[in-house]
Amino acid sequence: MNAQRGKGLNAQIQCPHCLAWLGKNPLLSRLKILGFYIGAAALGYGYFAPELRHITTPIAIFSIMLLLVSHMMDHLKVIEAPEVEVVDDSEQRRKYRD
């Protein structure tokens, strides 16, 4: 059984226990990646260009905040729930009512 479908940030995995398809929000994943690279670039550029630290430091702070917030919000969510089989257990329930 293939337990993965899609590629890249739109990839989905299948839970082996309940067979539900789970995936992450691609927008939040992109924001997380963007926040990391902008923060790292701003910190690196501010380190080697001290005259621009008053600009690069706030950019780095806000991009790292974006990274952390998007990381906390980016959880697996149910994309496609498994089909629930309807079981007729009226005979079993009737046995215990009498």
C-alpha atoms as a PDB file:
ATOM      1  CA  MET A   1       0.000   0.000   0.000  1.00  0.00           C
ATOM      2  CA  ASN A   2       1.342   3.433  -0.943  1.00  0.00           C
ATOM      3  CA  ALA A   3       1.115   5.594   2.184  1.00  0.00           C
ATOM      4  CA  GLN A   4       2.110   8.892   0.544  1.00  0.00           C
ATOM      5  CA  ARG A   5       0.660  10.993  -2.238  1.00  0.00           C
ATOM      6  CA  GLY A   6       1.587  14.351  -3.670  1.00  0.00           C
ATOM      7  CA  LYS A   7       4.997  15.949  -3.819  1.00  0.00           C
ATOM      8  CA  GLY A   8       6.820  18.801  -2.188  1.00  0.00           C
ATOM      9  CA  LEU A   9       4.924  20.953   0.270  1.00  0.00           C
ATOM     10  CA  ASN A  10       1.599  19.438  -0.849  1.00  0.00           C
ATOM     11  CA  ALA A  11       2.601  15.916   0.206  1.00  0.00           C
ATOM     12  CA  GLN A  12       0.128  13.900   2.233  1.00  0.00           C
ATOM     13  CA  ILE A  13       0.665  10.780   4.317  1.00  0.00           C
ATOM     14  CA  GLN A  14      -1.785   8.085   5.326  1.00  0.00           C
ATOM     15  CA  CYS A  15      -2.194   7.081   8.960  1.00  0.00           C
ATOM     16  CA  PRO A  16      -1.534   3.337   9.249  1.00  0.00           C
ATOM     17  CA  HIS A  17      -4.083   2.918  12.060  1.00  0.00           C
ATOM     18  CA  CYS A  18      -7.183   4.801  10.896  1.00  0.00           C
ATOM     19  CA  LEU A  19      -6.297   5.168   7.162  1.00  0.00           C
ATOM     20  CA  ALA A  20      -7.000   8.935   7.167  1.00  0.00           C
ATOM     21  CA  TRP A  21      -4.984  11.141   4.812  1.00  0.00           C
ATOM     22  CA  LEU A  22      -3.024  13.815   6.693  1.00  0.00           C
ATOM     23  CA  GLY A  23      -1.260  16.866   5.313  1.00  0.00           C
ATOM     24  CA  LYS A  24       0.207  20.214   6.276  1.00  0.00           C
ATOM     25  CA  ASN A  25      -0.807  23.670   5.127  1.00  0.00           C
ATOM     26  CA  PRO A  26       1.508  24.601   2.202  1.00  0.00           C
ATOM     27  CA  LEU A  27       1.150  28.350   2.884  1.00  0.00           C
ATOM     28  CA  LEU A  28       2.406  27.983   6.459  1.00  0.00           C
ATOM     29  CA  SER A  29       5.269  25.789   5.263  1.00  0.00           C
ATOM     30  CA  ARG A  30       6.285  28.448   2.731  1.00  0.00           C
ATOM     31  CA  LEU A  31       6.122  31.165   5.408  1.00  0.00           C
ATOM     32  CA  LYS A  32       8.299  29.030   7.670  1.00  0.00           C
ATOM     33  CA  ILE A  33      10.932  28.590   4.974  1.00  0.00           C
ATOM     34  CA  LEU A  34      10.766  32.265   3.999  1.00  0.00           C
ATOM     35  CA  GLY A  35      11.163  33.396   7.615  1.00  0.00           C
ATOM     36  CA  PHE A  36      14.199  31.184   8.095  1.00  0.00           C
ATOM     37  CA  TYR A  37      16.063  32.305   4.991  1.00  0.00           C
ATOM     38  CA  ILE A  38      15.277  36.009   5.380  1.00  0.00           C
ATOM     39  CA  GLY A  39      16.314  35.885   9.046  1.00  0.00           C
ATOM     40  CA  ALA A  40      19.553  34.054   8.291  1.00  0.00           C
ATOM     41  CA  ALA A  41      20.380  36.415   5.414  1.00  0.00           C
ATOM     42  CA  ALA A  42      19.634  39.522   7.500  1.00  0.00           C
ATOM     43  CA  LEU A  43      21.762  38.279  10.393  1.00  0.00           C
ATOM     44  CA  GLY A  44      24.624  37.346   8.071  1.00  0.00           C
ATOM     45  CA  TYR A  45      24.493  40.621   6.155  1.00  0.00           C
ATOM     46  CA  GLY A  46      24.283  42.637   9.386  1.00  0.00           C
ATOM     47  CA  TYR A  47      27.318  40.807  10.751  1.00  0.00           C
ATOM     48  CA  PHE A  48      29.496  41.705   7.772  1.00  0.00           C
ATOM     49  CA  ALA A  49      28.045  45.207   7.217  1.00  0.00           C
ATOM     50  CA  PRO A  50      27.930  46.836  10.676  1.00  0.00           C
ATOM     51  CA  GLU A  51      26.704  50.161   9.270  1.00  0.00           C
ATOM     52  CA  LEU A  52      23.386  48.490   8.297  1.00  0.00           C
ATOM     53  CA  ARG A  53      22.709  46.703  11.590  1.00  0.00           C
ATOM     54  CA  HIS A  54      19.982  49.183  12.484  1.00  0.00           C
ATOM     55  CA  ILE A  55      18.056  47.880   9.439  1.00  0.00           C
ATOM     56  CA  THR A  56      19.022  44.199   9.358  1.00  0.00           C
ATOM     57  CA  THR A  57      18.413  43.535  13.065  1.00  0.00           C
ATOM     58  CA  PRO A  58      14.662  44.393  13.014  1.00  0.00           C
ATOM     59  CA  ILE A  59      14.261  42.501   9.731  1.00  0.00           C
ATOM     60  CA  ALA A  60      15.908  39.452  11.307  1.00  0.00           C
ATOM     61  CA  ILE A  61      13.772  39.741  14.456  1.00  0.00           C
ATOM     62  CA  PHE A  62      10.487  39.937  12.535  1.00  0.00           C
ATOM     63  CA  SER A  63      11.427  37.143  10.164  1.00  0.00           C
ATOM     64  CA  ILE A  64      12.389  34.839  13.057  1.00  0.00           C
ATOM     65  CA  MET A  65       9.074  35.721  14.728  1.00  0.00           C
ATOM     66  CA  LEU A  66       7.330  34.772  11.459  1.00  0.00           C
ATOM     67  CA  LEU A  67       9.267  31.509  11.465  1.00  0.00           C
ATOM     68  CA  LEU A  68       8.293  30.651  15.034  1.00  0.00           C
ATOM     69  CA  VAL A  69       4.618  31.574  14.700  1.00  0.00           C
ATOM     70  CA  SER A  70       4.206  29.664  11.441  1.00  0.00           C
ATOM     71  CA  HIS A  71       6.020  26.704  12.977  1.00  0.00           C
ATOM     72  CA  MET A  72       3.623  26.626  15.947  1.00  0.00           C
ATOM     73  CA  MET A  73       0.582  26.823  13.657  1.00  0.00           C
ATOM     74  CA  ASP A  74       1.771  24.232  11.127  1.00  0.00           C
ATOM     75  CA  HIS A  75       0.267  20.933  12.302  1.00  0.00           C
ATOM     76  CA  LEU A  76      -0.961  17.880  10.472  1.00  0.00           C
ATOM     77  CA  LYS A  77      -4.621  18.142   9.561  1.00  0.00           C
ATOM     78  CA  VAL A  78      -7.057  15.587   8.208  1.00  0.00           C
ATOM     79  CA  ILE A  79      -7.372  16.009   4.444  1.00  0.00           C
ATOM     80  CA  GLU A  80      -9.562  13.000   3.764  1.00  0.00           C
ATOM     81  CA  ALA A  81     -11.263  11.081   6.562  1.00  0.00           C
ATOM     82  CA  PRO A  82     -11.603   7.311   6.247  1.00  0.00           C
ATOM     83  CA  GLU A  83     -14.935   5.818   5.317  1.00  0.00           C
ATOM     84  CA  VAL A  84     -16.866   4.599   8.335  1.00  0.00           C
ATOM     85  CA  GLU A  85     -18.570   1.262   7.918  1.00  0.00           C
ATOM     86  CA  VAL A  86     -22.126   1.182   9.249  1.00  0.00           C
ATOM     87  CA  VAL A  87     -22.592  -1.912  11.350  1.00  0.00           C
ATOM     88  CA  ASP A  88     -26.072  -3.111  12.253  1.00  0.00           C
ATOM     89  CA  ASP A  89     -25.739  -4.019  15.916  1.00  0.00           C
ATOM     90  CA  SER A  90     -29.429  -3.813  16.788  1.00  0.00           C
ATOM     91  CA  GLU A  91     -29.518  -7.548  17.524  1.00  0.00           C
ATOM     92  CA  GLN A  92     -26.681  -7.172  20.033  1.00  0.00           C
ATOM     93  CA  ARG A  93     -28.323  -4.186  21.739  1.00  0.00           C
ATOM     94  CA  ARG A  94     -31.722  -5.919  21.866  1.00  0.00           C
ATOM     95  CA  LYS A  95     -30.127  -8.875  23.653  1.00  0.00           C
ATOM     96  CA  TYR A  96     -29.037  -6.678  26.568  1.00  0.00           C
ATOM     97  CA  ARG A  97     -32.286  -4.685  26.794  1.00  0.00           C
ATOM     98  CA  ASP A  98     -34.477  -7.680  27.541  1.00  0.00           C
END
